[in-house]
Amino acid sequence: MKIARRAGIVLGSVTTAVATMAASLPAPGATPPWQMAATVHYGPAGNASGYSAVIAPGKDDAWVFGGTNPGGTSSPAAEHWNGRRWQAWSLPAGLGGFIAAAGGASPSDIWAVGNGYALHWNGARWAVAHTWAQAGETTSVVVLSPTDVWVFGSSGFSGEASLGTWYYDGRGWARAAGVAAAIYRASAVSRHDIWAITVSPRGGSVVHYDGRTWTRLTAADSALADTQLDDVLAVSGTSVWVSGVSPVNGADGHLVLARWNGRCWRRFVAPWPVQQPERFAPDGAGGIWIPVVTGGDAPATWILHLSRAGAWTRTRIATAPGTGVGVGDLALIPGTRTLWGTGGLLTTTGGSAAIWEHGIPGIRLAVREDRAGWHRAPARDRLVAGRGEMVRVYLMAGDRGMIRVYLTPRDGRACRRGPRLAWTGPLPGLTAPWPARGRAAVPEAVPE
């Protein structure tokens, strides 16, 4: 399966004065939680920053992409995970909008597409690979090699001009015609086995590329009957998934996942009402993780799981009362059952881009601030998390959003208490990058 993540900005929110980091080693047999790993706010306080795509080329290599203020005046943004921490990475100047989708064939061959442009990472730097003169948003990208790249831009719902489907062969770009021109999202097993979907007010269709021709697959129609298609994921030649909501025009729809096993299509329907599904990922064990948004008077974000055996479970992504949170894309770390998730947090005055993790063990530590508020934080606030010696800390100050703090344990002593790893004694090495005002944050050992 080639690395490919697709379009979508999802925002949510957090407003609380108490900050708690909770990354713990799960008890034997317990399912690891989805937990926040990092947040970043770009630019003025009123910006609603968000991430729209995540890819994981390796165990210690991941990228997230989005924008400084999607929905307004925005610039694309990228962060890179090097195995220890998330770091900002510069993109070419002069670009607008946000990164809508990303994909890669290797850690040194990553592509990211935005509003009228394609960027390429060669292992050392980002460069503009192509720009399009015509209007139209990008919606997906498939990367097979540095000389075998597909970019898709369908606008089946907006009524606006479509960018269409474009192919890069290492020498130049060519626009595809026929059914390929309407492709919304795609995912590849190999250059001769690419799966895609089109979307329309009537639902959409499944399309396949065999290395020469794009063909509509009517065999999938029954499994996706009366379903508004949303995404496609090709894990292997005998495991291809398509997601959507059924009924097409229903107010109380349910998530539908259809799976191709190499011989036939099988339909799975989640038991809970869903308003909107997001980009999804394999769980590393034959199942699927997929974020969804529920509607009604109290909309919420959940991450649903369909096991290999066909059992459904769900986890709500928590947020403070009166606020929301959104997770819009997931990526499985190769060779593991660990995932990254991206989206955003939104307050009444702005918002921050956010990264979640699932299944990454760490140290459990709580940090609480007893004062009512903090001094104004820097314009670009970051909540950083990592593994091993890196301590995850969440510091928030009411509706002012996140405050940047790095805490490093220098003299703490690690000990075992059953299956969990905890810190004992004082941590005199806790430091912050700016002078503290008033009372300092007090680290506390979490009771086991």
Protein backbone atom coordinates (compact mmCIF):
# COMPACT_ATOMS: atom_id res chain seq x y z
CA MET A 1 0.00 0.00 0.00
CA LYS A 2 1.40 3.39 -0.99
CA ILE A 3 1.27 6.18 1.54
CA ALA A 4 -1.55 8.53 0.62
CA ARG A 5 -3.63 10.90 2.68
CA ARG A 6 -6.39 13.04 1.32
CA ALA A 7 -8.14 16.34 1.65
CA GLY A 8 -10.15 17.80 4.50
CA ILE A 9 -9.82 20.38 7.28
CA VAL A 10 -11.59 19.55 10.53
CA LEU A 11 -11.57 21.95 13.45
CA GLY A 12 -12.63 21.68 17.10
CA SER A 13 -11.96 23.47 20.35
CA VAL A 14 -10.61 23.51 23.88
CA THR A 15 -11.09 26.08 26.64
CA THR A 16 -9.90 25.07 30.08
CA ALA A 17 -7.60 26.48 32.73
CA VAL A 18 -6.29 23.16 34.01
CA ALA A 19 -3.79 21.34 31.82
CA THR A 20 -3.16 17.61 32.07
CA MET A 21 -0.84 15.36 30.17
CA ALA A 22 -1.94 11.74 30.19
CA ALA A 23 0.18 9.43 28.09
CA SER A 24 0.40 6.13 29.91
CA LEU A 25 1.42 2.56 29.34
CA PRO A 26 -1.86 0.67 29.02
CA ALA A 27 -2.68 -2.14 31.38
CA PRO A 28 -2.35 -5.65 29.92
CA GLY A 29 -5.23 -6.35 27.56
CA ALA A 30 -6.43 -2.74 27.57
CA THR A 31 -6.98 -0.79 24.36
CA PRO A 32 -4.58 2.18 24.19
CA PRO A 33 -6.41 5.50 24.24
CA TRP A 34 -6.49 8.21 21.58
CA GLN A 35 -4.58 11.09 23.14
CA MET A 36 -3.45 14.51 22.05
CA ALA A 37 0.21 14.67 21.05
CA ALA A 38 0.71 18.27 19.89
CA THR A 39 -1.05 21.50 19.02
CA VAL A 40 0.20 24.44 16.99
CA HIS A 41 -1.31 27.88 16.47
CA TYR A 42 -0.08 29.85 13.48
CA GLY A 43 -0.19 33.62 13.19
CA PRO A 44 -2.63 36.06 14.88
CA ALA A 45 -4.78 34.88 17.76
CA GLY A 46 -7.90 34.97 15.59
CA ASN A 47 -6.58 32.41 13.11
CA ALA A 48 -8.31 29.03 13.10
CA SER A 49 -5.33 26.85 12.24
CA GLY A 50 -5.90 23.24 11.19
CA TYR A 51 -4.24 20.13 9.80
CA SER A 52 -5.84 18.28 6.89
CA ALA A 53 -3.47 15.42 6.05
CA VAL A 54 -1.01 13.06 7.74
CA ILE A 55 1.36 10.45 6.31
CA ALA A 56 3.80 8.10 8.04
CA PRO A 57 6.61 6.88 5.75
CA GLY A 58 8.40 5.16 8.65
CA LYS A 59 8.33 4.37 12.36
CA ASP A 60 10.29 7.52 13.18
CA ASP A 61 9.14 9.61 10.24
CA ALA A 62 5.80 11.36 9.77
CA TRP A 63 4.44 14.55 8.22
CA VAL A 64 1.30 16.56 8.94
CA PHE A 65 -0.01 19.27 6.62
CA GLY A 66 -2.66 21.95 6.76
CA GLY A 67 -2.95 25.72 6.87
CA THR A 68 -2.48 28.72 9.11
CA ASN A 69 -6.12 29.80 8.74
CA PRO A 70 -8.20 27.54 6.44
CA GLY A 71 -11.43 29.23 5.46
CA GLY A 72 -9.75 32.65 5.54
CA THR A 73 -6.51 34.22 4.43
CA SER A 74 -4.17 31.28 4.89
CA SER A 75 -0.76 29.87 4.05
CA PRO A 76 0.16 26.17 3.90
CA ALA A 77 1.87 24.63 6.93
CA ALA A 78 3.83 21.45 7.62
CA GLU A 79 5.28 19.71 10.68
CA HIS A 80 7.67 16.76 10.75
CA TRP A 81 8.08 13.97 13.31
CA ASN A 82 11.68 12.75 13.66
CA GLY A 83 11.05 10.03 16.22
CA ARG A 84 11.41 12.35 19.22
CA ARG A 85 9.40 15.49 18.58
CA TRP A 86 7.28 17.42 16.11
CA GLN A 87 9.07 20.31 14.40
CA ALA A 88 7.90 23.04 12.02
CA TRP A 89 9.26 22.76 8.49
CA SER A 90 9.55 25.59 5.99
CA LEU A 91 7.61 25.42 2.74
CA PRO A 92 8.28 27.48 -0.41
CA ALA A 93 7.24 31.13 -0.03
CA GLY A 94 4.37 32.80 -1.82
CA LEU A 95 1.82 29.98 -1.56
CA GLY A 96 -1.74 30.46 -0.32
CA GLY A 97 -4.55 28.33 1.00
CA PHE A 98 -3.74 25.05 2.72
CA ILE A 99 -2.32 21.62 1.94
CA ALA A 100 -5.33 19.47 1.07
CA ALA A 101 -3.71 16.08 0.51
CA ALA A 102 -0.35 14.35 0.67
CA GLY A 103 1.23 11.07 -0.37
CA GLY A 104 4.60 9.42 -0.70
CA ALA A 105 6.44 6.43 -2.08
CA SER A 106 9.34 6.68 0.37
CA PRO A 107 10.71 9.02 3.08
CA SER A 108 12.60 10.92 0.37
CA ASP A 109 9.71 11.10 -2.09
CA ILE A 110 6.78 12.98 -0.52
CA TRP A 111 4.24 15.06 -2.43
CA ALA A 112 1.75 17.56 -1.00
CA VAL A 113 -0.94 19.36 -3.01
CA GLY A 114 -2.86 22.53 -2.30
CA ASN A 115 -4.86 25.19 -4.11
CA GLY A 116 -3.34 25.06 -7.58
CA TYR A 117 0.10 23.70 -6.70
CA ALA A 118 2.04 20.51 -6.05
CA LEU A 119 5.04 20.41 -3.70
CA HIS A 120 7.77 17.75 -3.61
CA TRP A 121 10.10 16.66 -0.79
CA ASN A 122 13.34 15.03 -1.97
CA GLY A 123 14.64 14.11 1.48
CA ALA A 124 16.31 17.47 2.06
CA ARG A 125 13.94 20.28 1.12
CA TRP A 126 10.50 21.17 -0.22
CA ALA A 127 10.14 22.66 -3.70
CA VAL A 128 7.27 23.64 -5.99
CA ALA A 129 6.91 20.81 -8.50
CA HIS A 130 4.01 22.24 -10.51
CA THR A 131 1.37 24.96 -10.54
CA TRP A 132 -1.95 24.98 -12.39
CA ALA A 133 -3.32 28.09 -14.03
CA GLN A 134 -6.96 26.99 -14.00
CA ALA A 135 -9.12 27.19 -10.90
CA GLY A 136 -9.98 24.11 -8.87
CA GLU A 137 -9.11 22.53 -5.55
CA THR A 138 -7.00 19.40 -5.20
CA THR A 139 -8.67 16.51 -3.38
CA SER A 140 -6.21 13.59 -3.52
CA VAL A 141 -2.74 12.53 -4.63
CA VAL A 142 -1.25 9.09 -5.32
CA VAL A 143 2.53 8.68 -5.46
CA LEU A 144 4.07 5.51 -6.91
CA SER A 145 7.58 6.90 -7.53
CA PRO A 146 9.25 10.26 -8.29
CA THR A 147 8.22 9.75 -11.92
CA ASP A 148 4.77 8.24 -11.39
CA VAL A 149 2.35 10.63 -9.67
CA TRP A 150 -1.41 11.20 -9.95
CA VAL A 151 -3.15 14.37 -8.72
CA PHE A 152 -6.95 14.56 -8.46
CA GLY A 153 -9.28 17.53 -8.10
CA SER A 154 -13.00 16.84 -8.35
CA SER A 155 -15.73 19.26 -7.28
CA GLY A 156 -18.82 17.11 -7.60
CA PHE A 157 -20.73 19.01 -4.89
CA SER A 158 -19.49 22.59 -5.07
CA GLY A 159 -20.59 23.32 -8.63
CA GLU A 160 -17.26 25.05 -9.24
CA ALA A 161 -14.80 24.29 -12.02
CA SER A 162 -12.88 21.06 -11.42
CA LEU A 163 -9.09 20.83 -11.55
CA GLY A 164 -9.51 17.36 -13.00
CA THR A 165 -7.05 14.47 -12.93
CA TRP A 166 -3.40 14.95 -13.84
CA TYR A 167 -0.54 12.50 -14.36
CA TYR A 168 3.20 13.18 -13.99
CA ASP A 169 5.65 10.80 -15.70
CA GLY A 170 8.88 12.49 -14.67
CA ARG A 171 8.99 14.69 -17.78
CA GLY A 172 5.70 16.55 -17.83
CA TRP A 173 2.07 16.73 -16.73
CA ALA A 174 -0.89 15.44 -18.76
CA ARG A 175 -4.60 15.78 -18.03
CA ALA A 176 -6.65 12.58 -18.01
CA ALA A 177 -10.00 12.34 -19.78
CA GLY A 178 -13.03 10.10 -19.47
CA VAL A 179 -14.15 8.66 -16.12
CA ALA A 180 -10.76 9.54 -14.60
CA ALA A 181 -11.54 13.26 -14.91
CA ALA A 182 -14.21 12.99 -12.20
CA ILE A 183 -12.14 11.14 -9.58
CA TYR A 184 -12.48 12.59 -6.09
CA ARG A 185 -10.08 10.41 -4.05
CA ALA A 186 -7.77 7.52 -4.84
CA SER A 187 -5.49 4.97 -3.18
CA ALA A 188 -2.93 2.63 -4.75
CA VAL A 189 -1.62 -0.88 -4.16
CA SER A 190 0.80 -0.52 -7.09
CA ARG A 191 1.10 1.40 -10.36
CA HIS A 192 -1.07 -1.28 -12.00
CA ASP A 193 -3.64 -1.43 -9.20
CA ILE A 194 -5.13 1.96 -8.26
CA TRP A 195 -8.58 2.33 -6.70
CA ALA A 196 -10.65 5.52 -6.72
CA ILE A 197 -14.10 6.97 -6.15
CA THR A 198 -16.19 9.62 -7.84
CA VAL A 199 -18.85 11.57 -5.97
CA SER A 200 -22.15 13.08 -7.02
CA PRO A 201 -25.50 14.04 -5.47
CA ARG A 202 -26.61 10.48 -6.22
CA GLY A 203 -23.75 8.89 -4.31
CA GLY A 204 -20.82 8.20 -6.61
CA SER A 205 -19.02 5.18 -8.03
CA VAL A 206 -15.89 3.04 -7.65
CA VAL A 207 -13.21 3.29 -10.35
CA HIS A 208 -10.12 1.12 -10.98
CA TYR A 209 -6.88 1.62 -12.93
CA ASP A 210 -5.02 -1.44 -14.26
CA GLY A 211 -1.95 0.40 -15.52
CA ARG A 212 -3.52 1.38 -18.83
CA THR A 213 -7.20 2.23 -18.41
CA TRP A 214 -9.53 3.71 -15.80
CA THR A 215 -12.75 1.66 -15.56
CA ARG A 216 -15.93 2.08 -13.53
CA LEU A 217 -16.65 -1.02 -11.40
CA THR A 218 -20.35 -1.82 -11.36
CA ALA A 219 -19.68 -4.86 -9.12
CA ALA A 220 -19.41 -2.49 -6.14
CA ASP A 221 -22.81 -0.89 -6.72
CA SER A 222 -24.85 -3.30 -4.60
CA ALA A 223 -22.54 -3.07 -1.58
CA LEU A 224 -22.67 0.73 -1.81
CA ALA A 225 -26.32 1.12 -2.72
CA ASP A 226 -27.90 4.41 -1.57
CA THR A 227 -24.55 5.52 -0.10
CA GLN A 228 -22.87 8.89 -0.44
CA LEU A 229 -19.24 7.94 -1.03
CA ASP A 230 -16.48 9.73 0.88
CA ASP A 231 -13.12 7.91 0.80
CA VAL A 232 -11.21 4.88 -0.49
CA LEU A 233 -8.30 2.92 1.03
CA ALA A 234 -6.35 0.22 -0.81
CA VAL A 235 -4.48 -1.83 1.80
CA SER A 236 -3.65 -4.68 -0.59
CA GLY A 237 -5.02 -6.38 -3.66
CA THR A 238 -7.37 -8.39 -1.46
CA SER A 239 -8.28 -5.63 0.98
CA VAL A 240 -9.79 -2.48 -0.51
CA TRP A 241 -12.18 -0.32 1.50
CA VAL A 242 -14.68 2.37 0.51
CA SER A 243 -16.50 4.56 3.03
CA GLY A 244 -19.68 6.61 2.88
CA VAL A 245 -22.97 7.47 4.57
CA SER A 246 -26.33 5.85 3.85
CA PRO A 247 -28.93 6.91 2.88
CA VAL A 248 -27.61 9.47 0.40
CA ASN A 249 -30.11 12.17 1.38
CA GLY A 250 -30.95 10.99 4.89
CA ALA A 251 -30.68 13.26 7.91
CA ASP A 252 -29.88 10.34 10.21
CA GLY A 253 -27.43 8.37 8.14
CA HIS A 254 -25.14 5.54 9.18
CA LEU A 255 -21.54 4.92 8.26
CA VAL A 256 -21.05 2.30 5.56
CA LEU A 257 -17.78 0.50 4.87
CA ALA A 258 -17.59 -1.77 1.84
CA ARG A 259 -14.66 -4.17 1.50
CA TRP A 260 -13.29 -5.90 -1.59
CA ASN A 261 -11.57 -9.18 -0.60
CA GLY A 262 -10.32 -10.04 -4.07
CA ARG A 263 -13.47 -11.96 -4.98
CA CYS A 264 -16.50 -9.96 -3.88
CA TRP A 265 -17.70 -6.88 -2.00
CA ARG A 266 -19.06 -7.02 1.55
CA ARG A 267 -21.03 -4.23 3.25
CA PHE A 268 -20.57 -3.22 6.93
CA VAL A 269 -22.91 -0.70 8.59
CA ALA A 270 -22.04 1.03 11.87
CA PRO A 271 -24.82 0.93 14.53
CA TRP A 272 -24.65 4.67 15.37
CA PRO A 273 -26.01 7.66 13.42
CA VAL A 274 -23.28 9.59 11.60
CA GLN A 275 -23.40 12.94 9.87
CA GLN A 276 -19.95 12.94 8.25
CA PRO A 277 -17.13 10.38 8.00
CA GLU A 278 -13.52 11.48 7.57
CA ARG A 279 -10.34 9.94 6.10
CA PHE A 280 -9.60 6.52 7.53
CA ALA A 281 -6.71 4.09 8.02
CA PRO A 282 -6.02 0.39 8.69
CA ASP A 283 -5.44 -0.73 12.28
CA GLY A 284 -2.52 -3.02 11.45
CA ALA A 285 -4.54 -6.13 12.31
CA GLY A 286 -7.07 -6.41 9.49
CA GLY A 287 -9.51 -3.80 10.81
CA ILE A 288 -10.21 -0.11 10.21
CA TRP A 289 -10.14 3.12 12.26
CA ILE A 290 -12.32 5.97 10.97
CA PRO A 291 -13.19 9.36 12.54
CA VAL A 292 -16.78 10.54 12.24
CA VAL A 293 -18.87 13.54 13.25
CA THR A 294 -22.34 13.10 14.69
CA GLY A 295 -25.03 15.73 14.21
CA GLY A 296 -28.01 16.88 16.23
CA ASP A 297 -28.12 19.40 19.07
CA ALA A 298 -24.83 18.16 20.53
CA PRO A 299 -22.47 17.25 17.67
CA ALA A 300 -19.41 15.24 18.66
CA THR A 301 -16.34 13.64 17.13
CA TRP A 302 -15.80 9.91 17.52
CA ILE A 303 -13.24 7.48 16.16
CA LEU A 304 -14.95 4.25 15.17
CA HIS A 305 -13.20 0.89 14.93
CA LEU A 306 -14.25 -2.09 12.84
CA SER A 307 -12.27 -5.18 13.82
CA ARG A 308 -11.18 -7.91 11.47
CA ALA A 309 -13.96 -10.05 12.97
CA GLY A 310 -16.57 -7.42 12.10
CA ALA A 311 -17.15 -5.97 15.61
CA TRP A 312 -17.80 -2.23 15.97
CA THR A 313 -16.56 -0.06 18.85
CA ARG A 314 -16.13 3.69 19.19
CA THR A 315 -14.13 6.22 21.21
CA ARG A 316 -15.28 9.77 21.78
CA ILE A 317 -12.62 12.46 21.37
CA ALA A 318 -13.14 14.46 24.54
CA THR A 319 -13.31 18.23 24.76
CA ALA A 320 -14.27 20.86 27.31
CA PRO A 321 -17.95 21.71 27.89
CA GLY A 322 -19.37 24.02 25.26
CA THR A 323 -16.58 23.39 22.76
CA GLY A 324 -15.83 20.95 19.94
CA VAL A 325 -12.97 19.01 18.45
CA GLY A 326 -12.32 17.51 15.03
CA VAL A 327 -10.15 14.68 13.77
CA GLY A 328 -9.99 14.60 9.98
CA ASP A 329 -7.28 12.15 8.93
CA LEU A 330 -5.43 9.09 10.25
CA ALA A 331 -2.21 7.28 9.31
CA LEU A 332 -0.90 3.89 10.45
CA ILE A 333 2.79 3.79 11.35
CA PRO A 334 4.35 1.02 9.20
CA GLY A 335 4.97 -2.28 10.95
CA THR A 336 2.94 -1.31 14.04
CA ARG A 337 -0.60 -0.90 15.31
CA THR A 338 0.11 2.72 16.21
CA LEU A 339 -1.55 5.63 14.44
CA TRP A 340 -1.31 9.38 14.07
CA GLY A 341 -4.40 11.55 13.69
CA THR A 342 -4.78 15.19 12.63
CA GLY A 343 -7.40 17.89 12.80
CA GLY A 344 -7.91 20.95 14.93
CA LEU A 345 -9.19 22.70 18.02
CA LEU A 346 -11.38 25.80 17.83
CA THR A 347 -12.25 28.47 20.36
CA THR A 348 -14.75 31.31 19.94
CA THR A 349 -11.87 33.60 18.92
CA GLY A 350 -9.60 31.27 16.93
CA GLY A 351 -8.16 27.80 16.93
CA SER A 352 -5.11 25.56 16.76
CA ALA A 353 -4.05 22.68 14.57
CA ALA A 354 -3.83 19.39 16.48
CA ILE A 355 -2.17 15.98 16.33
CA TRP A 356 -3.40 12.84 18.11
CA GLU A 357 -1.72 9.50 18.68
CA HIS A 358 -2.99 6.02 19.41
CA GLY A 359 -0.99 3.19 20.91
CA ILE A 360 2.22 5.10 21.65
CA PRO A 361 3.35 4.36 25.23
CA GLY A 362 4.83 7.17 27.29
CA ILE A 363 5.14 8.65 30.76
CA ARG A 364 2.08 9.62 32.74
CA LEU A 365 2.41 13.09 34.27
CA ALA A 366 -0.09 15.76 35.29
CA VAL A 367 0.70 19.46 35.44
CA ARG A 368 -1.79 21.82 36.99
CA GLU A 369 -1.81 25.60 37.14
CA ASP A 370 -3.54 27.05 40.16
CA ARG A 371 -3.75 30.66 38.99
CA ALA A 372 -6.73 31.99 37.04
CA GLY A 373 -4.70 32.95 33.98
CA TRP A 374 -1.33 33.32 32.32
CA HIS A 375 0.45 36.19 30.57
CA ARG A 376 -0.15 36.37 26.84
CA ALA A 377 1.51 33.51 24.99
CA PRO A 378 3.67 33.88 21.87
CA ALA A 379 1.90 34.21 18.52
CA ARG A 380 2.79 30.66 17.52
CA ASP A 381 1.95 28.35 20.41
CA ARG A 382 2.97 24.73 20.44
CA LEU A 383 2.07 21.80 22.63
CA VAL A 384 4.84 19.27 22.06
CA ALA A 385 4.86 15.60 22.91
CA GLY A 386 7.28 12.77 22.36
CA ARG A 387 8.40 9.33 23.47
CA GLY A 388 10.96 8.15 25.94
CA GLU A 389 12.58 11.13 27.67
CA MET A 390 10.22 13.66 26.11
CA VAL A 391 7.37 14.58 28.48
CA ARG A 392 3.96 15.44 27.08
CA VAL A 393 2.44 18.47 28.82
CA TYR A 394 -0.82 20.26 28.11
CA LEU A 395 -1.03 23.84 29.33
CA MET A 396 -4.09 25.92 28.54
CA ALA A 397 -5.39 29.25 29.78
CA GLY A 398 -9.11 29.64 29.36
CA ASP A 399 -10.09 31.04 25.96
CA ARG A 400 -6.53 32.19 25.30
CA GLY A 401 -5.77 28.75 23.94
CA MET A 402 -2.53 26.80 24.34
CA ILE A 403 0.63 28.07 26.05
CA ARG A 404 4.00 26.83 24.89
CA VAL A 405 5.92 24.98 27.62
CA TYR A 406 8.70 22.41 27.39
CA LEU A 407 9.24 20.30 30.50
CA THR A 408 12.34 18.12 30.74
CA PRO A 409 12.87 15.76 33.73
CA ARG A 410 16.57 15.84 34.66
CA ASP A 411 16.74 14.27 38.10
CA GLY A 412 13.52 12.28 38.35
CA ARG A 413 13.69 8.59 39.12
CA ALA A 414 11.72 6.06 37.13
CA CYS A 415 10.24 3.08 38.86
CA ARG A 416 7.85 0.30 38.06
CA ARG A 417 4.43 0.02 39.65
CA GLY A 418 2.80 -2.95 38.08
CA PRO A 419 2.40 -2.40 34.34
CA ARG A 420 2.73 1.41 34.44
CA LEU A 421 5.74 3.68 34.42
CA ALA A 422 5.53 6.57 36.88
CA TRP A 423 7.74 9.38 38.15
CA THR A 424 8.53 9.61 41.86
CA GLY A 425 9.96 12.44 43.92
CA PRO A 426 10.36 16.08 42.89
CA LEU A 427 11.43 17.01 39.38
CA PRO A 428 13.83 19.92 39.92
CA GLY A 429 14.81 20.01 36.26
CA LEU A 430 11.45 21.24 34.97
CA THR A 431 12.13 24.31 32.84
CA ALA A 432 10.16 26.72 30.68
CA PRO A 433 11.41 28.78 27.73
CA TRP A 434 10.28 32.14 29.13
CA PRO A 435 10.33 33.73 32.63
CA ALA A 436 7.44 32.54 34.76
CA ARG A 437 5.06 35.05 36.26
CA GLY A 438 3.30 34.45 39.52
CA ARG A 439 3.10 30.84 40.65
CA ALA A 440 4.80 28.21 38.58
CA ALA A 441 3.17 25.09 37.24
CA VAL A 442 3.41 22.34 39.84
CA PRO A 443 4.22 18.82 38.60
CA GLU A 444 2.34 16.06 40.38
CA ALA A 445 2.78 12.32 40.31
CA VAL A 446 -0.34 10.64 39.00
CA PRO A 447 -1.73 8.09 41.44
CA GLU A 448 -1.53 4.57 40.16
